[in-house]
Amino acid sequence: MINMTSGLFQFVTLTIFALGAGIFFFVTGLRWLSRKRLIENTPTSKIRSLAMGLVEIFGEIVPREKFTAPLSGNDCVYYKYQIEEYRSSGKSSRWVEIDAGEQRSIFYAKDETGMVFVNPDGAQIEIPPGVELSSGIRKDPPENIKLFLKSRGLSYEGFLGINKSMRFKEWHLAPGDKVYIMGTASDNPLVADGRAQRGVEDIMIMRGEHEKFYYISDKPEKAVLKSLQRRVLGSLIGGGFLIVAAVILWIFILRP
């Protein structure tokens, strides 16, 4: 009787989990679908003809100020990094994040018609890793990463000087990179009204108060839409499958 009760409890728990996961993935798919349609229905603007409100542009990064990405050493206007260590505890082993960081700065986006300020704060930035490295037994990390680890109070070596198993990832946007941006064009707080500097209009692209979607990618629009299409299909199909499976399991539970 105890085994039957325990089995039923596990079955019900599995059903509830499947239903919750299915609803989550399905709602996520609908959200991605909404964003995909928003991008499809928003024409790409030339910088010289930007209007206030939600805009979509594609241009080249021109730095207003630069800083150095910690793992690659590249000049950039944005970086994010993650350092993980493989740890074992009893019978379980897993990768643990031991350090991470991010830095953003205002930059210019430039096309053949002009330049505009871009404030990336609050943007969802989707770019592939520029650095993906690992270290372990008989494999040291590069010297610049050793120095960075030391500056952060971390070490790539463990007991008896044996190298730890570690992973290093870095994402960055560098001067000259092409970027697709969907955000809100607003008055530029860095430039006085009616004036322009270096040919830059009195406009800044940023996260809007009402238009919450703010997105930056190093892919052109067609590639962005393809990526969103895959996410939409994966989330809707996967979520729908889990919901149907949960309903079938629930019917089985309730069956006399």
Protein backbone atom coordinates (compact mmCIF):
# COMPACT_ATOMS: atom_id res chain seq x y z
CA MET A 1 0.00 0.00 0.00
CA ILE A 2 2.85 2.37 0.88
CA ASN A 3 4.61 1.59 -2.41
CA MET A 4 1.39 2.22 -4.36
CA THR A 5 0.84 5.55 -2.57
CA SER A 6 4.45 6.56 -3.16
CA GLY A 7 4.19 5.61 -6.83
CA LEU A 8 0.96 7.58 -7.25
CA PHE A 9 2.53 10.63 -5.60
CA GLN A 10 5.50 10.48 -7.99
CA PHE A 11 3.14 10.08 -10.93
CA VAL A 12 1.09 13.12 -9.88
CA THR A 13 4.27 15.14 -9.30
CA LEU A 14 5.53 14.22 -12.78
CA THR A 15 2.19 15.24 -14.29
CA ILE A 16 2.18 18.62 -12.54
CA PHE A 17 5.79 19.22 -13.53
CA ALA A 18 5.08 18.37 -17.19
CA LEU A 19 2.04 20.66 -17.22
CA GLY A 20 3.94 23.55 -15.64
CA ALA A 21 6.90 23.14 -18.00
CA GLY A 22 4.57 22.87 -20.98
CA ILE A 23 2.73 26.08 -20.08
CA PHE A 24 6.04 27.88 -19.51
CA PHE A 25 7.48 26.86 -22.88
CA PHE A 26 4.21 27.59 -24.71
CA VAL A 27 3.92 31.09 -23.21
CA THR A 28 7.61 31.71 -23.99
CA GLY A 29 6.96 30.67 -27.58
CA LEU A 30 4.06 33.14 -27.83
CA ARG A 31 6.31 35.88 -26.45
CA TRP A 32 8.99 35.11 -29.05
CA LEU A 33 6.31 35.04 -31.76
CA SER A 34 5.16 38.50 -30.69
CA ARG A 35 8.73 39.81 -30.92
CA LYS A 36 9.25 38.17 -34.31
CA ARG A 37 6.14 39.85 -35.69
CA LEU A 38 7.22 43.17 -34.19
CA ILE A 39 10.56 42.95 -36.02
CA GLU A 40 8.87 41.88 -39.26
CA ASN A 41 6.43 44.79 -39.09
CA THR A 42 9.04 47.45 -38.25
CA PRO A 43 10.90 48.80 -41.30
CA THR A 44 14.65 49.30 -41.05
CA SER A 45 15.40 53.03 -40.87
CA LYS A 46 18.37 54.97 -42.17
CA ILE A 47 20.01 56.88 -39.34
CA ARG A 48 19.59 60.26 -41.01
CA SER A 49 15.81 59.77 -41.23
CA LEU A 50 15.18 58.37 -37.73
CA ALA A 51 11.88 59.36 -36.14
CA MET A 52 11.06 59.31 -32.45
CA GLY A 53 9.65 56.07 -31.09
CA LEU A 54 10.35 52.41 -31.82
CA VAL A 55 13.02 52.08 -34.52
CA GLU A 56 15.10 49.41 -36.21
CA ILE A 57 18.59 50.12 -37.59
CA PHE A 58 21.62 48.20 -38.84
CA GLY A 59 25.02 49.84 -38.62
CA GLU A 60 28.64 49.74 -37.56
CA ILE A 61 29.87 50.37 -34.02
CA VAL A 62 31.94 53.52 -33.59
CA PRO A 63 33.23 53.87 -30.01
CA ARG A 64 32.61 56.94 -27.88
CA GLU A 65 34.87 55.39 -25.25
CA LYS A 66 36.61 52.02 -25.21
CA PHE A 67 37.67 49.58 -22.52
CA THR A 68 39.46 46.25 -22.54
CA ALA A 69 37.63 42.93 -22.41
CA PRO A 70 39.14 40.90 -19.54
CA LEU A 71 39.66 37.52 -21.23
CA SER A 72 40.44 38.41 -24.84
CA GLY A 73 42.18 41.73 -24.21
CA ASN A 74 40.23 43.26 -27.12
CA ASP A 75 39.04 46.86 -27.23
CA CYS A 76 35.26 46.90 -26.91
CA VAL A 77 32.16 48.88 -25.98
CA TYR A 78 30.50 45.90 -24.28
CA TYR A 79 31.66 42.69 -22.66
CA LYS A 80 30.33 39.91 -20.49
CA TYR A 81 32.40 37.06 -19.11
CA GLN A 82 31.83 33.87 -17.17
CA ILE A 83 34.31 31.60 -15.39
CA GLU A 84 33.26 28.12 -14.26
CA GLU A 85 34.99 25.40 -12.25
CA TYR A 86 34.19 21.68 -12.33
CA ARG A 87 33.58 20.49 -8.78
CA SER A 88 32.77 17.11 -7.27
CA SER A 89 30.83 16.50 -4.09
CA GLY A 90 30.19 12.91 -3.10
CA LYS A 91 28.68 11.14 -6.09
CA SER A 92 27.68 14.31 -7.93
CA SER A 93 29.80 16.57 -10.12
CA ARG A 94 28.86 19.80 -11.83
CA TRP A 95 30.13 23.05 -13.30
CA VAL A 96 29.94 25.95 -10.83
CA GLU A 97 30.14 29.61 -11.79
CA ILE A 98 32.89 31.18 -9.70
CA ASP A 99 33.09 34.60 -11.34
CA ALA A 100 31.18 36.69 -13.87
CA GLY A 101 30.98 40.30 -14.92
CA GLU A 102 29.62 42.72 -17.49
CA GLN A 103 30.34 46.26 -18.67
CA ARG A 104 28.45 48.46 -21.16
CA SER A 105 29.11 51.92 -22.53
CA ILE A 106 27.32 54.33 -24.85
CA PHE A 107 28.52 54.06 -28.46
CA TYR A 108 27.65 55.35 -31.90
CA ALA A 109 25.95 53.30 -34.60
CA LYS A 110 26.93 54.40 -38.10
CA ASP A 111 25.51 53.72 -41.55
CA GLU A 112 26.07 55.44 -44.91
CA THR A 113 23.75 58.32 -43.90
CA GLY A 114 25.12 59.26 -40.48
CA MET A 115 25.64 58.29 -36.84
CA VAL A 116 23.45 58.07 -33.76
CA PHE A 117 24.10 57.52 -30.06
CA VAL A 118 23.15 54.12 -28.63
CA ASN A 119 22.81 53.52 -24.90
CA PRO A 120 22.89 49.70 -24.44
CA ASP A 121 21.71 49.77 -20.81
CA GLY A 122 18.68 47.52 -20.47
CA ALA A 123 19.11 45.93 -23.89
CA GLN A 124 18.92 42.21 -24.49
CA ILE A 125 22.28 41.65 -26.21
CA GLU A 126 22.54 38.42 -28.19
CA ILE A 127 25.96 37.65 -29.63
CA PRO A 128 28.02 34.44 -29.81
CA PRO A 129 30.98 34.00 -27.44
CA GLY A 130 34.18 35.58 -28.74
CA VAL A 131 36.21 33.49 -26.30
CA GLU A 132 35.57 29.86 -25.31
CA LEU A 133 38.54 28.28 -23.54
CA SER A 134 39.15 25.60 -20.95
CA SER A 135 41.98 24.51 -18.68
CA GLY A 136 42.74 21.32 -16.83
CA ILE A 137 45.40 18.73 -16.16
CA ARG A 138 48.42 19.49 -18.38
CA LYS A 139 46.57 22.44 -19.93
CA ASP A 140 47.22 25.91 -18.54
CA PRO A 141 45.01 28.89 -19.38
CA PRO A 142 46.64 31.67 -21.46
CA GLU A 143 48.90 34.11 -19.61
CA ASN A 144 46.45 37.01 -19.81
CA ILE A 145 43.74 34.87 -18.19
CA LYS A 146 46.18 33.78 -15.47
CA LEU A 147 46.79 37.45 -14.69
CA PHE A 148 43.08 38.21 -14.69
CA LEU A 149 42.37 35.28 -12.34
CA LYS A 150 45.06 36.57 -9.99
CA SER A 151 43.54 40.07 -10.05
CA ARG A 152 40.20 38.54 -9.04
CA GLY A 153 41.73 36.51 -6.20
CA LEU A 154 41.24 33.23 -8.09
CA SER A 155 43.63 30.45 -9.05
CA TYR A 156 43.64 27.90 -11.86
CA GLU A 157 45.67 25.53 -9.65
CA GLY A 158 44.35 23.31 -6.90
CA PHE A 159 45.82 20.77 -4.48
CA LEU A 160 49.57 20.15 -5.01
CA GLY A 161 49.59 22.63 -7.91
CA ILE A 162 47.42 20.43 -10.13
CA ASN A 163 45.36 22.43 -12.60
CA LYS A 164 41.65 22.68 -11.91
CA SER A 165 39.13 21.93 -14.64
CA MET A 166 37.87 25.38 -15.65
CA ARG A 167 35.92 27.00 -18.48
CA PHE A 168 36.19 30.60 -19.66
CA LYS A 169 33.65 32.42 -21.84
CA GLU A 170 33.51 36.00 -23.05
CA TRP A 171 31.07 37.91 -25.20
CA HIS A 172 32.02 41.33 -26.54
CA LEU A 173 31.09 44.03 -29.05
CA ALA A 174 34.11 45.70 -30.62
CA PRO A 175 34.61 48.83 -32.74
CA GLY A 176 33.74 48.05 -36.36
CA ASP A 177 31.27 45.26 -35.51
CA LYS A 178 27.98 45.38 -37.41
CA VAL A 179 24.93 45.42 -35.17
CA TYR A 180 21.18 45.12 -35.60
CA ILE A 181 19.32 47.29 -33.08
CA MET A 182 15.64 47.57 -32.23
CA GLY A 183 15.00 50.18 -29.57
CA THR A 184 13.37 53.50 -28.81
CA ALA A 185 14.69 56.70 -30.39
CA SER A 186 14.42 59.54 -27.87
CA ASP A 187 15.92 62.95 -27.17
CA ASN A 188 19.64 62.63 -26.61
CA PRO A 189 20.44 63.82 -23.06
CA LEU A 190 24.11 64.23 -24.02
CA VAL A 191 23.44 66.85 -26.69
CA ALA A 192 21.68 70.17 -26.11
CA ASP A 193 18.43 70.72 -28.00
CA GLY A 194 18.91 72.17 -31.48
CA ARG A 195 22.61 71.33 -31.55
CA ALA A 196 24.64 68.39 -32.91
CA GLN A 197 28.19 67.21 -32.38
CA ARG A 198 30.34 65.45 -34.97
CA GLY A 199 27.31 65.23 -37.28
CA VAL A 200 25.38 63.20 -34.71
CA GLU A 201 21.67 64.00 -34.54
CA ASP A 202 20.03 65.01 -31.31
CA ILE A 203 18.68 61.48 -30.84
CA MET A 204 19.71 58.49 -28.73
CA ILE A 205 18.48 54.93 -29.10
CA MET A 206 17.74 53.43 -25.69
CA ARG A 207 15.27 51.35 -23.72
CA GLY A 208 11.91 53.11 -23.86
CA GLU A 209 9.51 53.69 -21.01
CA HIS A 210 6.57 52.24 -22.95
CA GLU A 211 8.34 50.11 -25.59
CA LYS A 212 9.96 47.52 -23.33
CA PHE A 213 11.53 45.46 -26.13
CA TYR A 214 15.15 46.55 -26.63
CA TYR A 215 17.34 44.19 -28.60
CA ILE A 216 20.90 44.25 -29.97
CA SER A 217 22.45 41.50 -32.11
CA ASP A 218 25.52 41.13 -34.33
CA LYS A 219 23.34 39.37 -36.93
CA PRO A 220 21.43 41.07 -39.76
CA GLU A 221 17.64 41.13 -39.58
CA LYS A 222 17.10 38.00 -41.70
CA ALA A 223 19.37 35.94 -39.43
CA VAL A 224 17.66 37.36 -36.33
CA LEU A 225 14.25 36.35 -37.71
CA LYS A 226 15.49 32.82 -38.53
CA SER A 227 16.78 32.43 -34.98
CA LEU A 228 13.45 33.65 -33.56
CA GLN A 229 11.54 31.29 -35.86
CA ARG A 230 13.47 28.32 -34.47
CA ARG A 231 12.75 29.42 -30.92
CA VAL A 232 9.06 29.95 -31.64
CA LEU A 233 8.65 26.51 -33.21
CA GLY A 234 10.71 24.76 -30.54
CA SER A 235 8.86 26.42 -27.67
CA LEU A 236 5.34 26.04 -29.09
CA ILE A 237 5.81 22.44 -30.26
CA GLY A 238 7.69 21.38 -27.13
CA GLY A 239 5.29 23.18 -24.80
CA GLY A 240 2.24 21.83 -26.62
CA PHE A 241 3.62 18.28 -26.44
CA LEU A 242 4.22 18.54 -22.68
CA ILE A 243 0.74 19.97 -22.07
CA VAL A 244 -0.92 17.16 -24.06
CA ALA A 245 1.24 14.57 -22.30
CA ALA A 246 0.28 16.01 -18.90
CA VAL A 247 -3.42 15.92 -19.77
CA ILE A 248 -3.15 12.29 -20.90
CA LEU A 249 -1.33 11.37 -17.69
CA TRP A 250 -3.95 13.17 -15.60
CA ILE A 251 -6.76 11.32 -17.36
CA PHE A 252 -4.91 8.07 -16.63
CA ILE A 253 -4.63 9.02 -12.94
CA LEU A 254 -8.33 9.85 -12.66
CA ARG A 255 -9.45 6.75 -14.53
CA PRO A 256 -11.39 4.37 -12.23
